[in-house]
Amino acid sequence: MELFQDAKIESAFLKMGIYGEAGSGKSFTSSLVAIGLHKLVKAKKDVFFMDSETGSDYLIPMFEKAKVKLKVAKTRAFSDLLEGIKYAEKNASIFLVDSLTHYWDDLVESYKKKKKIQRMQIQNWMDVKPVWRDFSTILVMSGLHVIICGRAGDVWENVIDGEGYAELKKTGTKMRLEKETSYEPSLLVEMVKVRENSQPGAGWTHRAWVVKDRFDVIDSQHFDNPTFESFLPHIELLALGGEHKALEPDRDSQELFNNSNNGYERKRQRTILLEKIQEEVHIAHPGQGADAKRGRSDLLHNYFNTRSWTEVEGLFPDRLDVGLKALEIHNSDDIKRQREELEKKNNKKEKK
């Protein structure tokens, strides 16, 4: 197959994200878009709604009035979401999720319960993110219109003030999810609820800010009390009814790598990593006393989620490498702390 082809629009399905605070109009707006899109494409299949907030109950009259069939699954389990979008691709016209944030929270909390841990560390995220990526990949690649709603989260950054000092400040908002997910929708909208004026008893306006529009026809625009028509300029540019081809699904870069890691080289790499890990653990807690052994066991638990050395030996090299780096940072910080304490003691002696 020739790599480059004549350019044409091959995104045939809407991939839309809507986020905001409670009461900002996410659910209502997403339903308006789903109903309008269903009528625009003259869809024969139903709208499927993954509902983690019971919000679908209050939207039923909208769908009934529009004569659009709505099917609902009320659950917060990420496993249900993953199965739901796979099933919807074959049986639905539009897939609506509200709120996607709950499914991300469930995935993280379920992992912590399964592993019996209280805090997520680097190696834990390496386990969770690929599982979440299964959903985000289907979201983009599926022959299905998808509208995801999520809760708003704050963006914090170090901002340099006039005197050159860094200060942590809120610089914006984002959808509160796994951080890469917001890149997936081709149309991303933030909903905010604003007062119509400053007078007592003034009403509210639901305002939609277009954070991202890949066609750049409504990017950065805002719409008060938005309707389906507000987002139509973006939707009309999709290849509606055509063959959806987000990416070339069968292409990857395996040919850039040899398969030596499957045999001797992979075994050698694991052996080297295990030796380094043992060395770092003994540096942190030398000796054969009960306290030293307990300290080494705690380190393994903290950075590899197990107290069993046999289980550590069975981990993949990538996982071992992450744990080793964390141990090296731990020891580096510990040595730095010991030096600081020694300097304090020496300073006190000099003063005396």
Protein backbone atom coordinates (compact mmCIF):
# COMPACT_ATOMS: atom_id res chain seq x y z
CA MET A 1 0.00 0.00 0.00
CA GLU A 2 1.27 3.46 -0.88
CA LEU A 3 1.78 5.52 2.28
CA PHE A 4 0.44 8.83 0.95
CA GLN A 5 -3.00 9.16 -0.65
CA ASP A 6 -5.02 12.08 -1.98
CA ALA A 7 -6.40 14.01 1.00
CA LYS A 8 -10.08 13.55 1.80
CA ILE A 9 -12.21 13.73 4.93
CA GLU A 10 -12.55 10.21 6.34
CA SER A 11 -13.89 11.08 9.79
CA ALA A 12 -17.50 10.01 9.32
CA PHE A 13 -18.68 10.06 12.94
CA LEU A 14 -18.93 12.78 15.56
CA LYS A 15 -16.54 12.38 18.50
CA MET A 16 -17.58 15.10 20.95
CA GLY A 17 -16.57 15.86 24.53
CA ILE A 18 -18.50 18.14 26.91
CA TYR A 19 -17.31 19.03 30.41
CA GLY A 20 -18.28 21.45 33.17
CA GLU A 21 -19.33 21.89 36.78
CA ALA A 22 -22.55 20.50 38.22
CA GLY A 23 -25.60 22.25 36.77
CA SER A 24 -23.71 23.75 33.84
CA GLY A 25 -25.87 21.99 31.25
CA LYS A 26 -23.68 19.07 30.14
CA SER A 27 -26.41 16.42 30.15
CA PHE A 28 -29.06 18.63 28.55
CA THR A 29 -26.73 19.87 25.81
CA SER A 30 -25.39 16.41 25.02
CA SER A 31 -28.97 15.13 24.68
CA LEU A 32 -29.87 17.99 22.33
CA VAL A 33 -26.88 17.09 20.16
CA ALA A 34 -27.74 13.38 20.23
CA ILE A 35 -31.36 14.01 19.21
CA GLY A 36 -30.42 16.53 16.52
CA LEU A 37 -27.74 14.25 15.09
CA HIS A 38 -30.10 11.26 15.12
CA LYS A 39 -32.59 13.21 12.99
CA LEU A 40 -29.92 14.73 10.72
CA VAL A 41 -28.50 11.37 9.66
CA LYS A 42 -31.95 9.71 9.70
CA ALA A 43 -30.59 7.03 12.02
CA LYS A 44 -32.48 3.75 12.22
CA LYS A 45 -30.81 2.50 15.41
CA ASP A 46 -31.38 3.74 18.97
CA VAL A 47 -29.36 6.09 21.16
CA PHE A 48 -27.48 4.21 23.90
CA PHE A 49 -26.83 6.06 27.16
CA MET A 50 -24.22 4.95 29.74
CA ASP A 51 -25.50 6.73 32.85
CA SER A 52 -23.38 7.01 36.00
CA GLU A 53 -25.43 9.81 37.60
CA THR A 54 -29.08 8.70 37.03
CA GLY A 55 -29.40 11.84 34.90
CA SER A 56 -31.06 9.91 32.09
CA ASP A 57 -34.31 9.79 34.11
CA TYR A 58 -34.79 13.53 33.63
CA LEU A 59 -33.98 13.45 29.92
CA ILE A 60 -36.53 10.80 28.91
CA PRO A 61 -39.25 13.40 28.13
CA MET A 62 -36.88 15.12 25.65
CA PHE A 63 -36.29 11.89 23.75
CA GLU A 64 -39.95 10.87 23.85
CA LYS A 65 -41.04 14.25 22.49
CA ALA A 66 -38.49 13.93 19.67
CA LYS A 67 -39.59 10.32 19.03
CA VAL A 68 -36.02 9.07 19.43
CA LYS A 69 -35.65 5.70 21.18
CA LEU A 70 -33.33 5.81 24.21
CA LYS A 71 -31.75 2.77 25.88
CA VAL A 72 -29.96 3.22 29.20
CA ALA A 73 -27.38 1.33 31.28
CA LYS A 74 -27.03 2.69 34.82
CA THR A 75 -23.61 1.70 36.12
CA ARG A 76 -20.28 3.18 37.19
CA ALA A 77 -18.15 0.12 36.40
CA PHE A 78 -15.48 0.74 33.78
CA SER A 79 -15.79 -2.89 32.65
CA ASP A 80 -19.43 -2.15 31.75
CA LEU A 81 -18.40 0.95 29.81
CA LEU A 82 -15.88 -1.04 27.79
CA GLU A 83 -18.39 -3.76 26.96
CA GLY A 84 -21.08 -1.14 26.39
CA ILE A 85 -19.24 0.75 23.66
CA LYS A 86 -18.33 -2.51 21.90
CA TYR A 87 -21.98 -3.59 21.95
CA ALA A 88 -23.18 -0.12 20.91
CA GLU A 89 -20.97 -0.10 17.81
CA LYS A 90 -23.07 -2.93 16.40
CA ASN A 91 -26.46 -2.00 17.80
CA ALA A 92 -26.70 1.78 18.28
CA SER A 93 -26.43 4.92 16.19
CA ILE A 94 -25.18 7.23 18.96
CA PHE A 95 -23.35 6.42 22.19
CA LEU A 96 -23.69 8.93 25.03
CA VAL A 97 -21.70 8.73 28.30
CA ASP A 98 -22.49 10.88 31.34
CA SER A 99 -20.31 11.19 33.32
CA LEU A 100 -17.12 9.60 31.97
CA THR A 101 -15.28 10.84 35.08
CA HIS A 102 -17.03 8.23 37.22
CA TYR A 103 -15.75 5.40 35.02
CA TRP A 104 -12.17 6.66 35.30
CA ASP A 105 -12.57 6.91 39.08
CA ASP A 106 -13.95 3.37 39.20
CA LEU A 107 -11.02 1.97 37.22
CA VAL A 108 -8.48 3.58 39.56
CA GLU A 109 -10.34 2.63 42.76
CA SER A 110 -10.93 -0.93 41.55
CA TYR A 111 -7.21 -1.31 40.87
CA LYS A 112 -6.33 -0.02 44.35
CA LYS A 113 -8.78 -2.44 45.98
CA LYS A 114 -7.51 -5.36 43.94
CA LYS A 115 -3.88 -4.57 44.76
CA LYS A 116 -4.69 -3.60 48.38
CA ILE A 117 -2.90 -0.25 48.14
CA GLN A 118 -3.85 3.23 49.38
CA ARG A 119 -1.85 5.39 46.95
CA MET A 120 -1.08 5.14 43.26
CA GLN A 121 2.59 5.25 42.28
CA ILE A 122 4.34 5.37 38.92
CA GLN A 123 4.34 1.63 38.40
CA ASN A 124 0.62 1.45 39.26
CA TRP A 125 -0.30 4.00 36.60
CA MET A 126 1.62 1.87 34.10
CA ASP A 127 -0.87 -0.92 34.82
CA VAL A 128 -4.01 1.23 34.72
CA LYS A 129 -3.44 3.51 31.74
CA PRO A 130 -3.20 0.76 29.07
CA VAL A 131 -6.56 -0.63 30.30
CA TRP A 132 -8.16 2.82 29.97
CA ARG A 133 -6.54 3.19 26.55
CA ASP A 134 -8.66 0.27 25.31
CA PHE A 135 -11.71 2.50 25.68
CA SER A 136 -10.18 5.67 24.21
CA THR A 137 -8.95 3.69 21.18
CA ILE A 138 -12.42 2.32 20.50
CA LEU A 139 -13.85 5.82 20.99
CA VAL A 140 -11.76 7.17 18.11
CA MET A 141 -11.80 4.18 15.80
CA SER A 142 -15.42 3.05 16.17
CA GLY A 143 -18.03 3.51 13.45
CA LEU A 144 -20.26 5.20 15.98
CA HIS A 145 -21.20 8.74 16.97
CA VAL A 146 -19.86 9.23 20.53
CA ILE A 147 -20.61 12.06 22.95
CA ILE A 148 -18.78 11.94 26.28
CA CYS A 149 -19.57 14.17 29.25
CA GLY A 150 -17.15 14.70 32.11
CA ARG A 151 -16.74 16.81 35.20
CA ALA A 152 -14.47 19.83 35.19
CA GLY A 153 -11.10 19.76 36.93
CA ASP A 154 -8.70 22.60 37.66
CA VAL A 155 -5.38 23.05 35.86
CA TRP A 156 -2.57 24.19 38.18
CA GLU A 157 0.80 25.48 36.99
CA ASN A 158 3.88 27.14 38.48
CA VAL A 159 3.65 30.80 37.51
CA ILE A 160 6.66 33.13 37.89
CA ASP A 161 5.74 36.37 39.66
CA GLY A 162 7.34 39.80 39.15
CA GLU A 163 10.10 39.00 41.61
CA GLY A 164 11.07 35.77 39.92
CA TYR A 165 9.43 33.40 42.42
CA ALA A 166 7.35 30.42 41.29
CA GLU A 167 3.84 30.28 42.67
CA LEU A 168 1.30 27.51 42.08
CA LYS A 169 -1.81 29.04 40.52
CA LYS A 170 -4.98 27.84 38.86
CA THR A 171 -4.59 28.61 35.14
CA GLY A 172 -7.64 26.94 33.63
CA THR A 173 -9.94 23.94 33.58
CA LYS A 174 -10.04 20.58 31.83
CA MET A 175 -12.11 17.42 31.77
CA ARG A 176 -11.28 15.47 34.95
CA LEU A 177 -10.10 12.20 33.44
CA GLU A 178 -7.00 10.34 32.42
CA LYS A 179 -5.06 13.27 31.00
CA GLU A 180 -4.72 12.02 27.41
CA THR A 181 -8.47 11.45 26.90
CA SER A 182 -9.29 15.08 26.18
CA TYR A 183 -7.14 14.86 23.04
CA GLU A 184 -9.42 12.23 21.50
CA PRO A 185 -12.64 14.20 20.69
CA SER A 186 -12.59 16.29 17.51
CA LEU A 187 -15.03 18.73 19.16
CA LEU A 188 -14.48 19.67 22.81
CA VAL A 189 -16.83 22.01 24.68
CA GLU A 190 -16.74 23.50 28.18
CA MET A 191 -20.09 24.36 29.76
CA VAL A 192 -20.34 27.13 32.37
CA LYS A 193 -23.30 28.58 34.24
CA VAL A 194 -23.29 32.39 34.39
CA ARG A 195 -25.57 35.04 35.90
CA GLU A 196 -27.50 37.06 33.33
CA ASN A 197 -26.83 40.23 35.38
CA SER A 198 -25.78 41.30 38.86
CA GLN A 199 -29.30 42.10 40.06
CA PRO A 200 -30.81 40.00 42.89
CA GLY A 201 -32.91 37.19 41.50
CA ALA A 202 -31.32 37.37 38.07
CA GLY A 203 -31.57 34.24 35.96
CA TRP A 204 -28.84 31.93 34.71
CA THR A 205 -27.43 31.30 31.27
CA HIS A 206 -25.81 28.03 30.22
CA ARG A 207 -22.83 29.03 28.09
CA ALA A 208 -20.88 26.66 25.85
CA TRP A 209 -17.27 27.55 25.05
CA VAL A 210 -15.74 25.65 22.13
CA VAL A 211 -12.34 24.65 23.51
CA LYS A 212 -11.35 22.63 20.45
CA ASP A 213 -12.78 22.31 16.96
CA ARG A 214 -10.45 20.49 14.60
CA PHE A 215 -12.23 21.95 11.57
CA ASP A 216 -11.68 25.43 13.07
CA VAL A 217 -15.11 26.70 12.02
CA ILE A 218 -16.43 27.39 15.53
CA ASP A 219 -13.20 27.11 17.52
CA SER A 220 -13.04 29.50 20.54
CA GLN A 221 -16.62 30.66 19.95
CA HIS A 222 -19.27 30.57 22.65
CA PHE A 223 -23.00 29.95 22.54
CA ASP A 224 -25.55 30.89 25.20
CA ASN A 225 -28.11 28.15 25.88
CA PRO A 226 -26.68 26.15 22.97
CA THR A 227 -28.75 24.00 20.63
CA PHE A 228 -27.84 21.29 18.14
CA GLU A 229 -27.55 23.96 15.46
CA SER A 230 -24.77 25.68 17.46
CA PHE A 231 -22.42 22.79 16.65
CA LEU A 232 -23.78 22.04 13.17
CA PRO A 233 -20.94 23.85 11.31
CA HIS A 234 -18.51 21.25 12.68
CA ILE A 235 -20.83 18.28 12.21
CA GLU A 236 -21.67 19.13 8.58
CA LEU A 237 -18.00 18.93 7.63
CA LEU A 238 -17.79 15.29 8.73
CA ALA A 239 -18.08 12.63 6.04
CA LEU A 240 -21.51 11.66 7.40
CA GLY A 241 -22.68 8.40 5.88
CA GLY A 242 -19.22 7.63 4.51
CA GLU A 243 -16.64 5.08 5.56
CA HIS A 244 -14.99 6.03 8.83
CA LYS A 245 -11.21 5.79 8.86
CA ALA A 246 -9.63 7.63 11.76
CA LEU A 247 -6.24 5.91 11.44
CA GLU A 248 -4.70 3.04 9.51
CA PRO A 249 -5.61 0.26 11.98
CA ASP A 250 -3.24 -2.46 10.80
CA ARG A 251 -0.02 -0.44 10.69
CA ASP A 252 2.55 -0.40 13.45
CA SER A 253 6.35 -0.28 13.79
CA GLN A 254 7.27 -3.81 14.86
CA GLU A 255 9.78 -4.05 12.03
CA LEU A 256 11.97 -1.51 13.83
CA PHE A 257 12.66 -4.02 16.60
CA ASN A 258 14.29 -7.42 16.66
CA ASN A 259 12.81 -10.23 18.68
CA SER A 260 15.87 -10.87 20.84
CA ASN A 261 14.00 -9.69 23.94
CA ASN A 262 11.87 -12.80 23.68
CA GLY A 263 14.85 -14.99 24.54
CA TYR A 264 18.35 -14.58 25.89
CA GLU A 265 18.50 -10.75 25.75
CA ARG A 266 15.21 -10.32 27.63
CA LYS A 267 16.36 -12.77 30.31
CA ARG A 268 19.72 -10.96 30.59
CA GLN A 269 17.99 -7.60 30.90
CA ARG A 270 15.77 -8.89 33.70
CA THR A 271 18.76 -10.39 35.55
CA ILE A 272 20.65 -7.07 35.44
CA LEU A 273 17.64 -5.13 36.67
CA LEU A 274 17.02 -7.58 39.52
CA GLU A 275 20.65 -7.33 40.66
CA LYS A 276 20.43 -3.52 40.68
CA ILE A 277 17.16 -3.63 42.61
CA GLN A 278 18.67 -5.94 45.24
CA GLU A 279 21.64 -3.58 45.58
CA GLU A 280 19.41 -0.50 46.04
CA VAL A 281 17.24 -2.30 48.60
CA HIS A 282 20.30 -3.33 50.64
CA ILE A 283 21.78 0.18 50.39
CA ALA A 284 18.58 1.54 51.94
CA HIS A 285 18.43 -1.13 54.67
CA PRO A 286 21.77 -2.94 55.19
CA GLY A 287 22.26 -5.76 57.67
CA GLN A 288 20.45 -8.97 58.62
CA GLY A 289 18.51 -7.75 61.65
CA ALA A 290 14.71 -7.84 61.90
CA ASP A 291 14.44 -4.08 61.29
CA ALA A 292 16.59 -4.26 58.14
CA LYS A 293 14.60 -7.18 56.75
CA ARG A 294 11.33 -5.40 57.48
CA GLY A 295 12.63 -2.25 55.81
CA ARG A 296 13.60 -4.17 52.66
CA SER A 297 10.20 -5.88 52.61
CA ASP A 298 8.45 -2.50 52.92
CA LEU A 299 10.45 -1.11 49.99
CA LEU A 300 9.43 -4.01 47.76
CA HIS A 301 5.81 -3.49 48.76
CA ASN A 302 5.98 0.25 48.14
CA TYR A 303 7.56 0.07 44.70
CA PHE A 304 6.47 -3.35 43.36
CA ASN A 305 3.20 -4.00 45.25
CA THR A 306 4.50 -7.27 46.71
CA ARG A 307 6.66 -8.53 49.55
CA SER A 308 7.61 -11.63 47.56
CA TRP A 309 10.99 -11.56 45.82
CA THR A 310 9.83 -14.47 43.63
CA GLU A 311 6.94 -12.33 42.38
CA VAL A 312 9.33 -9.44 41.68
CA GLU A 313 11.50 -11.81 39.60
CA GLY A 314 8.50 -12.57 37.40
CA LEU A 315 7.77 -8.92 36.47
CA PHE A 316 8.42 -7.59 32.97
CA PRO A 317 11.65 -5.60 32.46
CA ASP A 318 9.71 -2.38 31.83
CA ARG A 319 8.03 -2.68 35.20
CA LEU A 320 11.29 -3.56 36.93
CA ASP A 321 12.96 -0.54 35.34
CA VAL A 322 10.30 1.84 36.70
CA GLY A 323 10.61 0.34 40.19
CA LEU A 324 14.41 0.59 40.05
CA LYS A 325 14.26 4.29 39.14
CA ALA A 326 11.88 4.91 42.05
CA LEU A 327 14.26 3.11 44.42
CA GLU A 328 17.22 5.14 43.16
CA ILE A 329 15.27 8.35 43.79
CA HIS A 330 14.33 7.08 47.26
CA ASN A 331 17.97 6.35 48.15
CA SER A 332 19.17 9.63 46.66
CA ASP A 333 16.67 11.57 48.78
CA ASP A 334 17.62 9.51 51.85
CA ILE A 335 21.35 10.21 51.37
CA LYS A 336 20.63 13.91 50.88
CA ARG A 337 18.58 13.96 54.09
CA GLN A 338 21.38 12.22 56.03
CA ARG A 339 23.93 14.74 54.75
CA GLU A 340 21.71 17.64 55.80
CA GLU A 341 21.31 16.15 59.28
CA LEU A 342 25.09 15.64 59.55
CA GLU A 343 25.74 19.25 58.48
CA LYS A 344 23.31 20.49 61.14
CA LYS A 345 25.11 18.48 63.82
CA ASN A 346 28.53 19.79 62.68
CA ASN A 347 27.25 23.37 62.67
CA LYS A 348 26.01 22.96 66.23
CA LYS A 349 29.39 21.60 67.35
CA GLU A 350 31.21 24.55 65.70
CA LYS A 351 28.97 27.05 67.50
CA LYS A 352 29.76 25.41 70.82
